[in-house]
Amino acid sequence: MAVQLITDSSTDFTSEEAKALGLRHVPLTLVFGAEQYADAVDITPHEFYEKLVSSKDMPTTCQVTPGEFAQQIEQVIAQGDEAVVFTLSGKLSGTYQSAVIAAADYPDRVVVVDTENATIGGNILVRYALRLRDQGKSAREIGELLEQAKQKVRLYAVVDTLEYLKRGGRVSAAVAFAGSLLSIKPVLAVESGEVVIKGKARGNRQGNNMLKQMVEQGGGIDYDMPYALAYAGVSDENLKAFQADTASLWEGMQAPPVIHLGSVIGAHVGPGAVAVAFFEK
């Protein structure tokens, strides 16, 4: 009996990556004005950011339904296999509850994991699960190890503009206006499944340095576990600056994979954001 991994699209694997890694990929729905897209299937991150910048509409995402998860789970069961299902933090979306409902008929064959994270925070947790799968662990064993490991996942990000946090109602128009005048860059983290503002930097260089300090002060990176960088927008200019400013973090280590932030989180942070995710030592 093999173990198959199912993840919603918030983990920001492309459809091609998911196929190559043997992942079952269930997209959230992106609503952009009068148009709807299957996230990471009908629209690429590049196309999404082009629309985000040019459109007056604030995009929203709709959670995966229990039926969409059930379809994937039933295919796994029909093949005689077990499944581990990964979802966006239950505090950020109802997608986790949808997965729990879909898995209820197969308590001995399906394990649902609330990543308590988003984007590359969930991505590196799935990559760790791939290792466990390849080691021959059962779905239940993988689930138990993930529940322990996810407590050590850290995700930090520098946001380039306050505009999209304002559109999403996370900061006021006055704060966004003042921030733009002062070149304020919010530094965000995911803690206990929620997005929190950890600090405010003046300019990208200070923001990058603040992120580096947070990584170092938090105990550092466990380089034996998966880690990753991500960027939002059409250009990766800010990412390259971040890589230069934090080069000492990766010295002598394998270069972190770079992931293009998808629409689920990209709609809120906007273009120019840069993020790092890792397992803390």
Protein backbone atom coordinates (compact mmCIF):
# COMPACT_ATOMS: atom_id res chain seq x y z
CA MET A 1 0.00 0.00 0.00
CA ALA A 2 1.59 3.24 -1.18
CA VAL A 3 1.10 6.72 0.25
CA GLN A 4 -0.09 9.52 -2.04
CA LEU A 5 0.18 13.19 -1.10
CA ILE A 6 -2.60 15.67 -1.88
CA THR A 7 -2.05 19.41 -1.53
CA ASP A 8 -4.15 22.46 -2.22
CA SER A 9 -2.62 25.12 -4.47
CA SER A 10 -1.66 27.43 -1.58
CA THR A 11 1.65 25.55 -1.29
CA ASP A 12 2.65 27.14 -4.62
CA PHE A 13 3.76 24.07 -6.53
CA THR A 14 3.10 24.55 -10.21
CA SER A 15 0.99 21.89 -11.92
CA GLU A 16 4.15 20.67 -13.68
CA GLU A 17 6.09 20.41 -10.39
CA ALA A 18 3.23 18.57 -8.71
CA LYS A 19 3.11 16.04 -11.55
CA ALA A 20 6.88 15.52 -11.50
CA LEU A 21 6.88 14.97 -7.73
CA GLY A 22 3.87 12.67 -7.75
CA LEU A 23 1.62 15.11 -5.89
CA ARG A 24 -2.11 15.38 -6.34
CA HIS A 25 -2.83 19.09 -6.81
CA VAL A 26 -6.22 20.60 -5.86
CA PRO A 27 -6.59 24.28 -6.84
CA LEU A 28 -8.36 26.99 -4.92
CA THR A 29 -10.55 29.23 -7.08
CA LEU A 30 -9.32 32.74 -7.89
CA VAL A 31 -12.05 35.31 -8.49
CA PHE A 32 -10.92 38.39 -10.42
CA GLY A 33 -13.83 40.70 -11.14
CA ALA A 34 -16.27 38.71 -13.29
CA GLU A 35 -13.68 36.05 -14.11
CA GLN A 36 -12.79 32.84 -12.25
CA TYR A 37 -9.62 30.80 -12.52
CA ALA A 38 -8.36 27.52 -11.06
CA ASP A 39 -5.33 28.77 -9.17
CA ALA A 40 -2.01 27.66 -10.70
CA VAL A 41 -3.92 25.79 -13.43
CA ASP A 42 -5.79 28.39 -15.49
CA ILE A 43 -3.49 31.29 -14.59
CA THR A 44 0.25 31.46 -13.96
CA PRO A 45 1.78 33.68 -11.26
CA HIS A 46 3.22 35.94 -13.97
CA GLU A 47 -0.22 36.39 -15.55
CA PHE A 48 -1.79 36.93 -12.14
CA TYR A 49 0.56 39.80 -11.20
CA GLU A 50 0.07 41.46 -14.57
CA LYS A 51 -3.68 41.47 -13.92
CA LEU A 52 -3.22 42.52 -10.28
CA VAL A 53 -1.27 45.64 -11.23
CA SER A 54 -3.55 46.66 -14.09
CA SER A 55 -6.93 45.88 -12.52
CA LYS A 56 -9.01 47.99 -10.14
CA ASP A 57 -10.65 44.83 -8.80
CA MET A 58 -9.32 43.22 -5.63
CA PRO A 59 -9.01 39.48 -6.34
CA THR A 60 -10.32 36.96 -3.85
CA THR A 61 -9.88 33.22 -3.46
CA CYS A 62 -12.52 30.60 -2.73
CA GLN A 63 -11.69 27.54 -0.63
CA VAL A 64 -11.49 24.05 -2.05
CA THR A 65 -14.82 22.30 -1.57
CA PRO A 66 -15.26 18.96 0.23
CA GLY A 67 -16.34 17.46 -3.09
CA GLU A 68 -13.12 18.46 -4.81
CA PHE A 69 -11.05 16.85 -2.08
CA ALA A 70 -13.33 13.79 -2.03
CA GLN A 71 -12.76 13.22 -5.74
CA GLN A 72 -9.02 12.99 -5.21
CA ILE A 73 -9.30 10.90 -2.05
CA GLU A 74 -11.65 8.40 -3.68
CA GLN A 75 -9.21 7.91 -6.55
CA VAL A 76 -6.44 7.17 -4.04
CA ILE A 77 -8.61 4.69 -2.14
CA ALA A 78 -9.68 3.00 -5.40
CA GLN A 79 -5.99 2.37 -6.14
CA GLY A 80 -5.61 0.65 -2.77
CA ASP A 81 -3.41 3.44 -1.36
CA GLU A 82 -3.37 5.81 1.63
CA ALA A 83 -3.35 9.60 1.48
CA VAL A 84 -1.93 12.56 3.37
CA VAL A 85 -3.75 15.81 2.60
CA PHE A 86 -2.13 19.24 3.09
CA THR A 87 -4.09 22.48 3.39
CA LEU A 88 -3.61 26.18 3.92
CA SER A 89 -3.78 27.22 7.57
CA GLY A 90 -7.24 26.65 9.01
CA LYS A 91 -7.09 30.19 10.47
CA LEU A 92 -6.72 31.65 6.99
CA SER A 93 -9.20 29.53 5.01
CA GLY A 94 -12.00 27.01 5.32
CA THR A 95 -10.06 24.67 3.03
CA TYR A 96 -8.80 22.63 5.99
CA GLN A 97 -12.35 21.96 7.16
CA SER A 98 -13.32 20.92 3.64
CA ALA A 99 -10.52 18.34 3.67
CA VAL A 100 -11.58 17.04 7.08
CA ILE A 101 -15.15 16.55 5.82
CA ALA A 102 -13.93 14.77 2.68
CA ALA A 103 -11.66 12.45 4.66
CA ALA A 104 -14.24 11.53 7.33
CA ASP A 105 -15.28 8.30 5.58
CA TYR A 106 -11.70 6.96 5.55
CA PRO A 107 -10.29 7.50 9.06
CA ASP A 108 -7.80 4.64 8.71
CA ARG A 109 -6.61 5.54 5.23
CA VAL A 110 -6.48 9.35 5.06
CA VAL A 111 -4.61 11.85 7.28
CA VAL A 112 -5.34 15.57 6.98
CA VAL A 113 -2.59 18.04 7.92
CA ASP A 114 -3.33 21.68 8.66
CA THR A 115 0.03 23.17 7.70
CA GLU A 116 -0.70 26.16 9.97
CA ASN A 117 1.13 28.04 7.27
CA ALA A 118 0.89 29.38 3.73
CA THR A 119 2.81 29.42 0.45
CA ILE A 120 6.45 28.29 0.93
CA GLY A 121 5.83 27.49 4.62
CA GLY A 122 3.48 24.75 3.45
CA ASN A 123 5.69 23.99 0.46
CA ILE A 124 8.69 22.94 2.55
CA LEU A 125 6.45 20.85 4.80
CA VAL A 126 5.22 18.93 1.73
CA ARG A 127 8.83 18.49 0.57
CA TYR A 128 9.66 16.96 3.95
CA ALA A 129 6.68 14.63 3.59
CA LEU A 130 7.99 13.53 0.19
CA ARG A 131 11.17 12.37 1.92
CA LEU A 132 9.15 10.45 4.49
CA ARG A 133 7.02 8.88 1.76
CA ASP A 134 10.12 7.76 -0.09
CA GLN A 135 11.44 6.23 3.16
CA GLY A 136 8.39 3.98 3.23
CA LYS A 137 6.53 5.65 6.12
CA SER A 138 2.79 5.04 6.38
CA ALA A 139 0.27 7.87 6.12
CA ARG A 140 -0.26 7.83 9.88
CA GLU A 141 3.49 7.87 10.57
CA ILE A 142 3.95 10.77 8.15
CA GLY A 143 1.09 12.66 9.78
CA GLU A 144 2.56 12.22 13.26
CA LEU A 145 6.02 13.37 12.16
CA LEU A 146 4.54 16.36 10.34
CA GLU A 147 2.60 17.48 13.41
CA GLN A 148 5.92 17.70 15.25
CA ALA A 149 7.91 19.20 12.38
CA LYS A 150 5.45 21.95 11.49
CA GLN A 151 6.05 23.60 14.87
CA LYS A 152 9.56 24.41 13.65
CA VAL A 153 8.57 25.91 10.29
CA ARG A 154 9.33 29.63 10.06
CA LEU A 155 8.11 31.95 7.30
CA TYR A 156 9.23 35.58 7.11
CA ALA A 157 8.52 38.12 4.37
CA VAL A 158 9.24 41.72 3.43
CA VAL A 159 6.37 43.49 1.66
CA ASP A 160 7.34 46.11 -0.91
CA THR A 161 4.13 48.13 -0.86
CA LEU A 162 1.28 48.70 1.59
CA GLU A 163 -1.23 49.15 -1.25
CA TYR A 164 -2.50 45.58 -1.30
CA LEU A 165 -2.65 45.23 2.47
CA LYS A 166 -4.79 48.38 2.33
CA ARG A 167 -7.04 46.93 -0.37
CA GLY A 168 -7.49 43.80 1.71
CA GLY A 169 -8.41 45.83 4.79
CA ARG A 170 -5.32 44.87 6.83
CA VAL A 171 -4.06 48.45 7.10
CA SER A 172 -5.89 51.77 6.80
CA ALA A 173 -5.62 54.14 3.84
CA ALA A 174 -3.89 56.69 6.08
CA VAL A 175 -1.27 54.18 7.19
CA ALA A 176 -0.70 53.07 3.60
CA PHE A 177 -0.29 56.68 2.43
CA ALA A 178 2.15 57.55 5.22
CA GLY A 179 4.04 54.32 4.61
CA SER A 180 4.48 55.08 0.92
CA LEU A 181 5.89 58.53 1.72
CA LEU A 182 8.38 57.07 4.19
CA SER A 183 9.18 53.97 2.09
CA ILE A 184 7.97 51.72 4.91
CA LYS A 185 8.33 47.99 4.23
CA PRO A 186 6.31 45.77 6.60
CA VAL A 187 8.05 42.61 7.79
CA LEU A 188 5.57 39.76 8.17
CA ALA A 189 5.64 36.29 9.71
CA VAL A 190 3.27 33.37 10.03
CA GLU A 191 2.79 32.45 13.68
CA SER A 192 0.31 29.87 15.01
CA GLY A 193 -1.33 29.80 11.60
CA GLU A 194 -1.88 33.55 11.31
CA VAL A 195 -0.11 36.37 9.48
CA VAL A 196 1.37 38.93 11.85
CA ILE A 197 3.39 42.12 11.34
CA LYS A 198 6.74 41.70 13.09
CA GLY A 199 8.25 45.06 12.25
CA LYS A 200 8.55 47.95 9.83
CA ALA A 201 11.68 48.78 7.88
CA ARG A 202 12.72 51.92 6.04
CA GLY A 203 13.57 50.69 2.57
CA ASN A 204 14.34 47.29 1.10
CA ARG A 205 17.90 47.04 2.43
CA GLN A 206 16.77 47.54 6.02
CA GLY A 207 13.91 45.11 5.45
CA ASN A 208 16.31 42.45 4.15
CA ASN A 209 18.61 42.99 7.12
CA MET A 210 15.69 42.71 9.51
CA LEU A 211 14.69 39.39 7.94
CA LYS A 212 18.26 38.12 8.24
CA GLN A 213 18.35 39.09 11.92
CA MET A 214 15.03 37.33 12.56
CA VAL A 215 16.40 34.14 10.99
CA GLU A 216 19.57 34.29 13.09
CA GLN A 217 17.85 35.27 16.35
CA GLY A 218 15.27 32.53 15.94
CA GLY A 219 17.88 29.79 16.19
CA GLY A 220 19.02 29.62 12.59
CA ILE A 221 18.21 27.36 9.67
CA ASP A 222 18.24 23.57 9.81
CA TYR A 223 20.02 22.98 6.51
CA ASP A 224 19.29 19.25 6.66
CA MET A 225 15.60 20.05 6.13
CA PRO A 226 13.92 21.73 3.13
CA TYR A 227 14.13 25.52 2.84
CA ALA A 228 13.10 27.98 0.13
CA LEU A 229 12.90 31.57 -1.06
CA ALA A 230 9.98 33.18 -2.87
CA TYR A 231 9.14 36.39 -4.65
CA ALA A 232 5.94 38.09 -5.76
CA GLY A 233 5.41 40.05 -8.95
CA VAL A 234 6.55 40.01 -12.55
CA SER A 235 10.15 40.96 -11.72
CA ASP A 236 12.53 39.16 -9.35
CA GLU A 237 14.64 42.30 -8.81
CA ASN A 238 13.88 42.50 -5.07
CA LEU A 239 14.64 38.80 -4.69
CA LYS A 240 18.10 39.25 -6.19
CA ALA A 241 18.78 42.11 -3.78
CA PHE A 242 17.61 39.93 -0.90
CA GLN A 243 19.89 37.08 -2.00
CA ALA A 244 22.84 39.49 -2.09
CA ASP A 245 22.05 40.97 1.33
CA THR A 246 21.64 37.54 2.95
CA ALA A 247 24.40 35.65 1.10
CA SER A 248 26.05 34.62 4.37
CA LEU A 249 22.99 32.52 5.27
CA TRP A 250 23.60 30.23 2.30
CA GLU A 251 27.40 30.23 2.23
CA GLY A 252 28.65 26.69 1.72
CA MET A 253 25.08 25.37 1.51
CA GLN A 254 22.95 24.27 -1.40
CA ALA A 255 21.26 27.32 -2.91
CA PRO A 256 17.61 27.52 -1.80
CA PRO A 257 14.99 26.81 -4.46
CA VAL A 258 13.14 29.91 -5.63
CA ILE A 259 9.36 29.82 -5.83
CA HIS A 260 7.06 32.31 -7.52
CA LEU A 261 4.38 33.27 -5.00
CA GLY A 262 0.94 32.39 -6.30
CA SER A 263 -2.33 34.27 -6.11
CA VAL A 264 -3.53 32.99 -2.71
CA ILE A 265 -0.97 35.06 -0.79
CA GLY A 266 0.16 37.28 -3.65
CA ALA A 267 -3.18 39.09 -3.69
CA HIS A 268 -2.49 40.35 -0.17
CA VAL A 269 1.23 41.14 -0.27
CA GLY A 270 1.33 42.49 -3.83
CA PRO A 271 4.27 42.58 -6.24
CA GLY A 272 7.79 43.04 -4.91
CA ALA A 273 7.40 40.94 -1.76
CA VAL A 274 10.19 38.53 -0.84
CA ALA A 275 9.88 35.57 1.56
CA VAL A 276 12.05 32.93 3.19
CA ALA A 277 10.86 29.68 4.79
CA PHE A 278 12.86 27.09 6.71
CA PHE A 279 12.80 24.64 9.59
CA GLU A 280 14.35 26.16 12.70
CA LYS A 281 17.22 24.32 14.36
